[in-house]
Amino acid sequence: MIAPQWTPEGTTLAPLTSPAFYTFILKIAARCNLACSYCYVYEGPDQSWRSRPKFMSDQTAEQTFLRIEEHVREKQLEEVVITFHGGEPLLAGVSRLQRFLTTAKKLISANIQFTVQTNGTLLTKEFLNLFAEHDVQIGMSVDGDKVANDRYRRFKNGRSSFDRVMASVELINSKPEWARLLTGYLAVVDLRNDPKEVFEFISGMDSRGFDVLLPDCNHESPPKRPATDVDKTAYGQWMSNLFNAWLDSGIDIEICYFEEILAMLLGQRSTREHIGSQFADLIIVESDGDIEGLDTLKMVSRDATHLGLNVYHNTFTQALDHESVACRLVGYQALCATCRSCSFLNQCGGGYIPHRYKKDTGFLNPSVYCHDIQYLITHIKNALVKELGRE
């Protein structure tokens, strides 16, 4: 397969600022107990997970932490984020996670913020006590109520995962020292779900916030749209209705996607790669120690994710020089001409890089959600102007 085109011809891949990785996502489990039909790992074209170890070994974890410490010292970092991810990271077990947390603290001199992203089906008191001991922040994935969640998020035998997730929510909220660890929920947009109902359900689960993700699609594998969606704004309209529900509720709950757009409309810089971002600061380590730039690129191809680097042989600084990583550090010059000349550029940032892929032109295209994002930004801008006028 021909390697994807990352930047316009002649682009100098010199970063806008002194680059460094601050967020390290460790794929400590290369398997999952759910079979989510929209999953970019197990349902995407990159099937390299099949040949990887089911779990990251103690040796690979230790080598990863040594590489992180090397990066910390080289880049003079005071704080880093280590996220335990998968697959489903809790499949790795309490004992393994205990060893990883203890080893990381022993080997890394910077302050560490630990996080774990889980599907919520395996949380136990033992896990929560461990996370409370090490201040591990918890993110949980849920798409809404039982009907919404069960459209995609089922066990491999087809059974619903909803009751197990709700039991975990009840458990984590049963003690203040556990509840404080829950940073929020992550939901994937589905046009069949009512956005107001999704908001009311998730906001009612005693969380500081939640976030929404557009389905992992691109121009070769476009998102499902109603036949009536000729202007390709259905996802933008759905998100706008979710925004309305959030704004009208008066509930003090964060929705990161919206707060990011609001901040950029007020002149601030983006802090997230999904929208508006001019640079990225995260890197992936697979269960065998392979270093990869962005795991959602698995929805594109194996060529899009493979860097040819491994923590046993390579540094994280070497990863900064790889084209697929460097293109995320050079700002808008990595975008196609259409995006660079667009009036929405400062808020949209060209959209999320996996959503821009097209076989013939690589990533030099507007996002497959371009019109949706423009619709949403316009809607939020109008709401902001109305609120400021009212003030």
Protein backbone atom coordinates (compact mmCIF):
# COMPACT_ATOMS: atom_id res chain seq x y z
CA MET A 1 0.00 0.00 0.00
CA ILE A 2 1.22 3.50 -0.84
CA ALA A 3 1.98 5.53 2.29
CA PRO A 4 -0.64 8.27 2.90
CA GLN A 5 0.17 11.86 1.99
CA TRP A 6 0.40 13.85 5.23
CA THR A 7 1.29 17.40 4.12
CA PRO A 8 1.25 19.55 0.97
CA GLU A 9 4.30 19.17 -1.24
CA GLY A 10 7.14 21.40 -0.10
CA THR A 11 5.96 21.71 3.50
CA THR A 12 8.79 22.16 5.96
CA LEU A 13 8.08 19.98 8.96
CA ALA A 14 9.54 22.42 11.46
CA PRO A 15 7.34 22.55 14.59
CA LEU A 16 5.71 25.80 15.68
CA THR A 17 7.06 25.45 19.20
CA SER A 18 9.66 23.32 20.93
CA PRO A 19 7.90 19.95 20.69
CA ALA A 20 7.47 17.40 23.45
CA PHE A 21 5.04 14.70 24.42
CA TYR A 22 3.12 15.37 27.62
CA THR A 23 0.53 12.58 27.35
CA PHE A 24 1.53 8.93 27.06
CA ILE A 25 -1.27 6.48 26.24
CA LEU A 26 -0.33 2.93 27.19
CA LYS A 27 -2.28 0.12 25.56
CA ILE A 28 -1.89 -2.22 28.49
CA ALA A 29 -4.55 -4.61 27.14
CA ALA A 30 -4.75 -5.45 23.44
CA ARG A 31 -8.09 -7.21 23.84
CA CYS A 32 -11.59 -6.13 24.86
CA ASN A 33 -14.57 -7.86 26.46
CA LEU A 34 -17.01 -5.84 24.34
CA ALA A 35 -17.60 -6.02 20.61
CA CYS A 36 -18.56 -2.44 19.79
CA SER A 37 -19.39 -2.41 16.10
CA TYR A 38 -17.96 1.10 15.59
CA CYS A 39 -14.60 0.34 17.24
CA TYR A 40 -11.60 1.69 15.29
CA VAL A 41 -9.29 -0.96 16.80
CA TYR A 42 -11.12 -4.23 16.21
CA GLU A 43 -13.42 -3.24 13.35
CA GLY A 44 -10.95 -1.09 11.39
CA PRO A 45 -8.53 -2.00 8.59
CA ASP A 46 -5.49 -2.09 10.89
CA GLN A 47 -5.69 -5.57 12.42
CA SER A 48 -2.21 -5.55 13.99
CA TRP A 49 -3.81 -6.15 17.42
CA ARG A 50 -4.12 -9.83 16.48
CA SER A 51 -0.35 -10.34 16.65
CA ARG A 52 0.30 -8.26 19.77
CA PRO A 53 0.54 -9.64 23.34
CA LYS A 54 -2.83 -9.65 25.07
CA PHE A 55 -1.32 -7.62 27.91
CA MET A 56 1.68 -5.35 28.29
CA SER A 57 4.39 -7.17 30.24
CA ASP A 58 6.08 -5.77 33.33
CA GLN A 59 9.31 -5.54 31.33
CA THR A 60 7.72 -3.52 28.52
CA ALA A 61 5.98 -1.24 31.01
CA GLU A 62 9.26 -0.62 32.83
CA GLN A 63 11.05 0.12 29.56
CA THR A 64 8.26 2.53 28.61
CA PHE A 65 8.57 4.36 31.93
CA LEU A 66 12.35 4.61 31.45
CA ARG A 67 11.74 6.16 28.01
CA ILE A 68 9.24 8.60 29.53
CA GLU A 69 11.79 9.61 32.16
CA GLU A 70 14.37 10.05 29.40
CA HIS A 71 11.91 12.36 27.60
CA VAL A 72 11.11 14.22 30.83
CA ARG A 73 14.78 14.97 31.43
CA GLU A 74 15.55 15.88 27.82
CA LYS A 75 12.54 18.20 27.49
CA GLN A 76 12.65 19.41 31.12
CA LEU A 77 9.03 18.46 31.76
CA GLU A 78 7.53 19.07 35.18
CA GLU A 79 4.37 17.01 34.67
CA VAL A 80 3.15 14.23 32.38
CA VAL A 81 -0.09 12.32 31.90
CA ILE A 82 -0.06 8.53 31.69
CA THR A 83 -3.32 7.01 30.44
CA PHE A 84 -4.02 3.30 30.74
CA HIS A 85 -5.98 2.31 27.66
CA GLY A 86 -6.85 -0.68 25.51
CA GLY A 87 -8.81 -2.61 24.39
CA GLU A 88 -10.24 -2.68 27.85
CA PRO A 89 -7.44 -1.81 30.30
CA LEU A 90 -9.12 -3.37 33.34
CA LEU A 91 -8.70 -6.79 31.74
CA ALA A 92 -5.05 -6.44 32.80
CA GLY A 93 -6.12 -6.97 36.41
CA VAL A 94 -5.58 -5.21 39.72
CA SER A 95 -2.16 -6.73 40.48
CA ARG A 96 -0.67 -5.77 37.13
CA LEU A 97 -1.97 -2.21 37.39
CA GLN A 98 -0.63 -1.97 40.94
CA ARG A 99 2.84 -2.90 39.69
CA PHE A 100 2.63 -0.45 36.77
CA LEU A 101 1.60 2.44 39.01
CA THR A 102 4.31 1.72 41.58
CA THR A 103 7.02 1.32 38.92
CA ALA A 104 6.04 4.51 37.10
CA LYS A 105 6.25 6.54 40.31
CA LYS A 106 9.63 4.99 41.08
CA LEU A 107 11.19 5.66 37.66
CA ILE A 108 9.68 8.99 36.53
CA SER A 109 10.85 12.19 38.20
CA ALA A 110 8.05 14.44 36.92
CA ASN A 111 4.65 14.72 38.56
CA ILE A 112 2.37 12.11 37.04
CA GLN A 113 -1.36 12.41 36.44
CA PHE A 114 -2.67 8.87 35.94
CA THR A 115 -5.90 8.26 34.05
CA VAL A 116 -7.75 5.17 32.86
CA GLN A 117 -10.35 4.97 30.09
CA THR A 118 -12.71 2.05 30.66
CA ASN A 119 -15.95 0.67 29.26
CA GLY A 120 -17.15 0.39 32.87
CA THR A 121 -18.09 -3.29 32.86
CA LEU A 122 -15.25 -4.52 35.09
CA LEU A 123 -14.94 -1.94 37.86
CA THR A 124 -14.70 -3.45 41.35
CA LYS A 125 -13.98 -2.21 44.87
CA GLU A 126 -10.42 -3.50 44.46
CA PHE A 127 -9.85 -1.39 41.37
CA LEU A 128 -11.40 1.67 42.97
CA ASN A 129 -9.33 1.35 46.13
CA LEU A 130 -6.20 1.08 43.98
CA PHE A 131 -7.20 4.12 41.91
CA ALA A 132 -7.98 6.12 45.05
CA GLU A 133 -4.56 5.22 46.50
CA HIS A 134 -2.75 6.49 43.39
CA ASP A 135 -5.23 9.24 42.42
CA VAL A 136 -6.04 7.61 39.07
CA GLN A 137 -8.70 9.64 37.24
CA ILE A 138 -11.40 7.53 35.58
CA GLY A 139 -13.11 8.13 32.25
CA MET A 140 -16.01 5.86 31.31
CA SER A 141 -17.61 5.22 27.93
CA VAL A 142 -21.41 5.20 27.63
CA ASP A 143 -23.60 6.39 24.75
CA GLY A 144 -26.80 7.11 26.68
CA ASP A 145 -29.67 5.08 28.13
CA LYS A 146 -30.12 1.34 27.56
CA VAL A 147 -31.53 1.70 24.04
CA ALA A 148 -28.82 4.15 22.98
CA ASN A 149 -25.96 2.26 24.61
CA ASP A 150 -27.03 -1.16 23.31
CA ARG A 151 -27.03 -0.10 19.66
CA TYR A 152 -23.27 -0.69 19.54
CA ARG A 153 -21.83 -1.41 22.99
CA ARG A 154 -22.56 -5.10 23.55
CA PHE A 155 -20.60 -8.09 24.82
CA LYS A 156 -19.13 -10.47 22.27
CA ASN A 157 -22.04 -12.87 22.77
CA GLY A 158 -24.48 -10.07 21.91
CA ARG A 159 -25.64 -9.45 25.49
CA SER A 160 -26.28 -5.92 26.69
CA SER A 161 -23.47 -4.24 28.65
CA PHE A 162 -25.75 -1.53 30.03
CA ASP A 163 -26.63 -3.05 33.41
CA ARG A 164 -22.97 -3.77 34.18
CA VAL A 165 -22.05 -0.16 33.37
CA MET A 166 -24.85 1.19 35.56
CA ALA A 167 -23.74 -1.06 38.42
CA SER A 168 -20.25 0.44 38.09
CA VAL A 169 -21.70 3.96 38.11
CA GLU A 170 -23.62 3.15 41.30
CA LEU A 171 -20.49 1.63 42.86
CA ILE A 172 -18.20 4.54 42.02
CA ASN A 173 -20.71 7.03 43.42
CA SER A 174 -21.16 5.06 46.64
CA LYS A 175 -18.08 6.60 48.28
CA PRO A 176 -16.84 10.21 48.01
CA GLU A 177 -13.21 9.06 47.68
CA TRP A 178 -14.21 7.02 44.62
CA ALA A 179 -16.67 9.51 43.13
CA ARG A 180 -14.03 12.26 43.03
CA LEU A 181 -11.98 10.12 40.61
CA LEU A 182 -14.66 10.10 37.89
CA THR A 183 -13.75 12.81 35.39
CA GLY A 184 -16.70 12.09 33.12
CA TYR A 185 -18.26 10.04 30.38
CA LEU A 186 -17.47 9.66 26.70
CA ALA A 187 -20.30 9.19 24.19
CA VAL A 188 -20.27 8.59 20.44
CA VAL A 189 -22.83 10.55 18.42
CA ASP A 190 -25.62 8.45 16.90
CA LEU A 191 -28.24 10.30 14.89
CA ARG A 192 -30.89 7.79 15.99
CA ASN A 193 -30.53 8.89 19.61
CA ASP A 194 -32.31 12.01 20.81
CA PRO A 195 -29.61 14.52 21.86
CA LYS A 196 -31.73 16.01 24.64
CA GLU A 197 -32.36 12.54 26.09
CA VAL A 198 -28.65 11.73 25.87
CA PHE A 199 -27.83 14.93 27.76
CA GLU A 200 -30.47 14.35 30.43
CA PHE A 201 -29.36 10.76 30.98
CA ILE A 202 -25.61 11.37 31.20
CA SER A 203 -25.89 14.63 33.17
CA GLY A 204 -28.02 12.76 35.69
CA MET A 205 -25.20 10.34 36.56
CA ASP A 206 -23.40 12.65 39.01
CA SER A 207 -20.41 13.52 36.85
CA ARG A 208 -18.28 16.61 36.46
CA GLY A 209 -18.74 16.38 32.73
CA PHE A 210 -18.84 14.34 29.58
CA ASP A 211 -17.69 14.62 26.01
CA VAL A 212 -18.98 13.55 22.63
CA LEU A 213 -17.13 12.04 19.69
CA LEU A 214 -18.13 11.99 16.05
CA PRO A 215 -18.05 8.45 14.61
CA ASP A 216 -14.63 7.39 13.31
CA CYS A 217 -15.24 7.88 9.60
CA ASN A 218 -13.44 9.34 6.58
CA HIS A 219 -14.04 9.96 2.89
CA GLU A 220 -13.44 6.30 2.05
CA SER A 221 -15.77 5.14 4.81
CA PRO A 222 -18.23 8.02 5.23
CA PRO A 223 -20.65 8.43 8.15
CA LYS A 224 -24.20 7.20 7.84
CA ARG A 225 -26.53 10.04 6.90
CA PRO A 226 -30.28 10.29 6.25
CA ALA A 227 -31.25 10.49 2.58
CA THR A 228 -32.60 13.98 3.31
CA ASP A 229 -29.22 15.22 4.55
CA VAL A 230 -28.21 16.72 1.20
CA ASP A 231 -26.22 19.58 2.75
CA LYS A 232 -24.36 17.15 5.07
CA THR A 233 -25.17 18.94 8.32
CA ALA A 234 -27.11 16.20 10.16
CA TYR A 235 -24.32 15.64 12.70
CA GLY A 236 -23.93 19.39 13.13
CA GLN A 237 -27.64 19.73 13.80
CA TRP A 238 -27.54 16.86 16.32
CA MET A 239 -24.62 18.45 18.15
CA SER A 240 -26.36 21.84 18.08
CA ASN A 241 -29.44 20.33 19.72
CA LEU A 242 -27.19 18.77 22.37
CA PHE A 243 -25.63 22.20 22.90
CA ASN A 244 -29.09 23.73 23.33
CA ALA A 245 -30.00 21.10 25.93
CA TRP A 246 -26.76 21.83 27.79
CA LEU A 247 -27.21 25.60 27.65
CA ASP A 248 -30.88 25.52 28.64
CA SER A 249 -30.37 23.13 31.54
CA GLY A 250 -28.40 25.50 33.74
CA ILE A 251 -26.57 22.44 35.10
CA ASP A 252 -22.93 23.00 36.06
CA ILE A 253 -21.47 20.22 33.92
CA GLU A 254 -18.64 20.38 31.38
CA ILE A 255 -18.99 19.28 27.77
CA CYS A 256 -15.45 19.62 26.50
CA TYR A 257 -16.24 19.78 22.78
CA PHE A 258 -18.51 22.79 23.24
CA GLU A 259 -16.30 24.53 25.78
CA GLU A 260 -13.39 24.22 23.36
CA ILE A 261 -15.35 25.97 20.59
CA LEU A 262 -16.57 28.68 22.97
CA ALA A 263 -13.02 29.32 24.14
CA MET A 264 -11.73 29.64 20.57
CA LEU A 265 -14.56 31.99 19.62
CA LEU A 266 -13.36 34.17 22.50
CA GLY A 267 -9.82 34.18 21.14
CA GLN A 268 -8.19 31.39 23.13
CA ARG A 269 -6.08 28.57 21.72
CA SER A 270 -7.27 25.03 21.28
CA THR A 271 -6.17 22.43 23.81
CA ARG A 272 -7.56 19.34 22.05
CA GLU A 273 -6.65 17.62 18.82
CA HIS A 274 -10.22 16.79 17.85
CA ILE A 275 -11.02 20.37 16.90
CA GLY A 276 -9.11 23.59 16.41
CA SER A 277 -5.75 22.16 17.41
CA GLN A 278 -2.56 23.47 15.87
CA PHE A 279 -0.33 20.90 17.53
CA ALA A 280 -0.52 17.56 19.35
CA ASP A 281 1.20 16.41 22.51
CA LEU A 282 0.28 12.74 22.86
CA ILE A 283 1.93 9.48 21.84
CA ILE A 284 0.80 5.85 21.96
CA VAL A 285 2.65 2.77 23.24
CA GLU A 286 1.17 -0.58 22.22
CA SER A 287 1.24 -3.72 24.39
CA ASP A 288 4.44 -4.94 22.67
CA GLY A 289 6.19 -1.57 23.10
CA ASP A 290 5.55 -0.29 19.57
CA ILE A 291 5.34 3.51 19.47
CA GLU A 292 2.46 4.88 17.38
CA GLY A 293 1.41 8.44 16.73
CA LEU A 294 -2.38 8.41 16.90
CA ASP A 295 -4.37 5.25 17.51
CA THR A 296 -7.57 6.44 15.80
CA LEU A 297 -5.61 6.35 12.52
CA LYS A 298 -6.20 2.60 12.70
CA MET A 299 -9.49 3.42 10.98
CA VAL A 300 -7.43 4.46 7.92
CA SER A 301 -4.80 1.75 7.42
CA ARG A 302 -1.83 0.02 9.02
CA ASP A 303 0.49 2.36 7.08
CA ALA A 304 -1.12 5.34 8.82
CA THR A 305 -0.28 4.06 12.31
CA HIS A 306 3.00 2.22 11.91
CA LEU A 307 6.09 4.29 12.81
CA GLY A 308 8.60 1.43 12.88
CA LEU A 309 9.62 2.46 16.42
CA ASN A 310 9.65 0.54 19.69
CA VAL A 311 10.51 1.57 23.26
CA TYR A 312 13.23 -1.09 23.40
CA HIS A 313 15.13 0.49 20.52
CA ASN A 314 13.88 4.05 20.09
CA THR A 315 13.25 7.25 22.05
CA PHE A 316 10.11 9.34 22.09
CA THR A 317 12.11 12.21 20.62
CA GLN A 318 12.71 10.08 17.54
CA ALA A 319 8.94 9.76 17.20
CA LEU A 320 8.67 13.56 17.05
CA ASP A 321 10.59 13.47 13.76
CA HIS A 322 8.33 10.93 12.04
CA GLU A 323 6.20 12.53 9.31
CA SER A 324 2.88 11.25 10.68
CA VAL A 325 3.68 12.88 14.04
CA ALA A 326 5.49 15.96 12.75
CA CYS A 327 2.51 16.91 10.57
CA ARG A 328 0.49 17.30 13.79
CA LEU A 329 3.06 19.78 15.14
CA VAL A 330 3.30 22.29 12.28
CA GLY A 331 -0.10 23.92 12.59
CA TYR A 332 -2.24 24.91 9.65
CA GLN A 333 0.50 24.53 7.06
CA ALA A 334 -0.17 20.77 7.09
CA LEU A 335 -3.74 21.37 5.83
CA CYS A 336 -5.06 21.43 2.27
CA ALA A 337 -5.54 24.77 0.49
CA THR A 338 -9.33 24.64 1.00
CA CYS A 339 -8.96 24.47 4.77
CA ARG A 340 -6.20 27.08 4.97
CA SER A 341 -8.41 29.63 3.20
CA CYS A 342 -11.58 28.84 5.18
CA SER A 343 -13.14 31.43 7.50
CA PHE A 344 -13.80 28.70 10.11
CA LEU A 345 -10.14 27.66 10.28
CA ASN A 346 -9.32 29.16 13.68
CA GLN A 347 -12.16 27.23 15.33
CA CYS A 348 -12.20 24.08 13.22
CA GLY A 349 -8.48 23.59 12.64
CA GLY A 350 -9.28 21.44 9.62
CA GLY A 351 -11.08 18.90 11.78
CA TYR A 352 -9.69 15.72 13.29
CA ILE A 353 -6.93 14.27 11.10
CA PRO A 354 -8.42 10.75 10.69
CA HIS A 355 -11.63 12.33 9.39
CA ARG A 356 -9.71 14.03 6.57
CA TYR A 357 -8.43 10.87 4.88
CA LYS A 358 -9.11 10.07 1.22
CA LYS A 359 -7.28 7.38 -0.71
CA ASP A 360 -5.99 9.51 -3.60
CA THR A 361 -5.01 12.61 -1.61
CA GLY A 362 -4.19 11.22 1.83
CA PHE A 363 -5.00 13.73 4.56
CA LEU A 364 -5.03 16.79 2.29
CA ASN A 365 -8.80 17.17 2.39
CA PRO A 366 -11.42 18.92 4.51
CA SER A 367 -12.94 16.75 7.21
CA VAL A 368 -15.70 14.38 6.17
CA TYR A 369 -17.68 16.33 8.80
CA CYS A 370 -16.71 19.74 7.39
CA HIS A 371 -20.25 21.06 6.87
CA ASP A 372 -21.41 19.61 10.19
CA ILE A 373 -18.64 21.39 12.08
CA GLN A 374 -19.32 24.68 10.30
CA TYR A 375 -23.00 24.37 11.18
CA LEU A 376 -22.18 23.73 14.85
CA ILE A 377 -19.64 26.55 15.13
CA THR A 378 -22.11 28.99 13.57
CA HIS A 379 -24.83 27.83 15.96
CA ILE A 380 -22.61 28.23 19.02
CA LYS A 381 -21.35 31.61 17.80
CA ASN A 382 -24.92 32.88 17.39
CA ALA A 383 -25.82 31.62 20.86
CA LEU A 384 -22.74 33.31 22.31
CA VAL A 385 -23.57 36.63 20.64
CA LYS A 386 -27.12 36.38 21.97
CA GLU A 387 -25.91 35.70 25.52
CA LEU A 388 -23.35 38.52 25.41
CA GLY A 389 -26.00 40.88 24.12
CA ARG A 390 -28.29 39.86 26.96
CA GLU A 391 -25.49 40.54 29.47
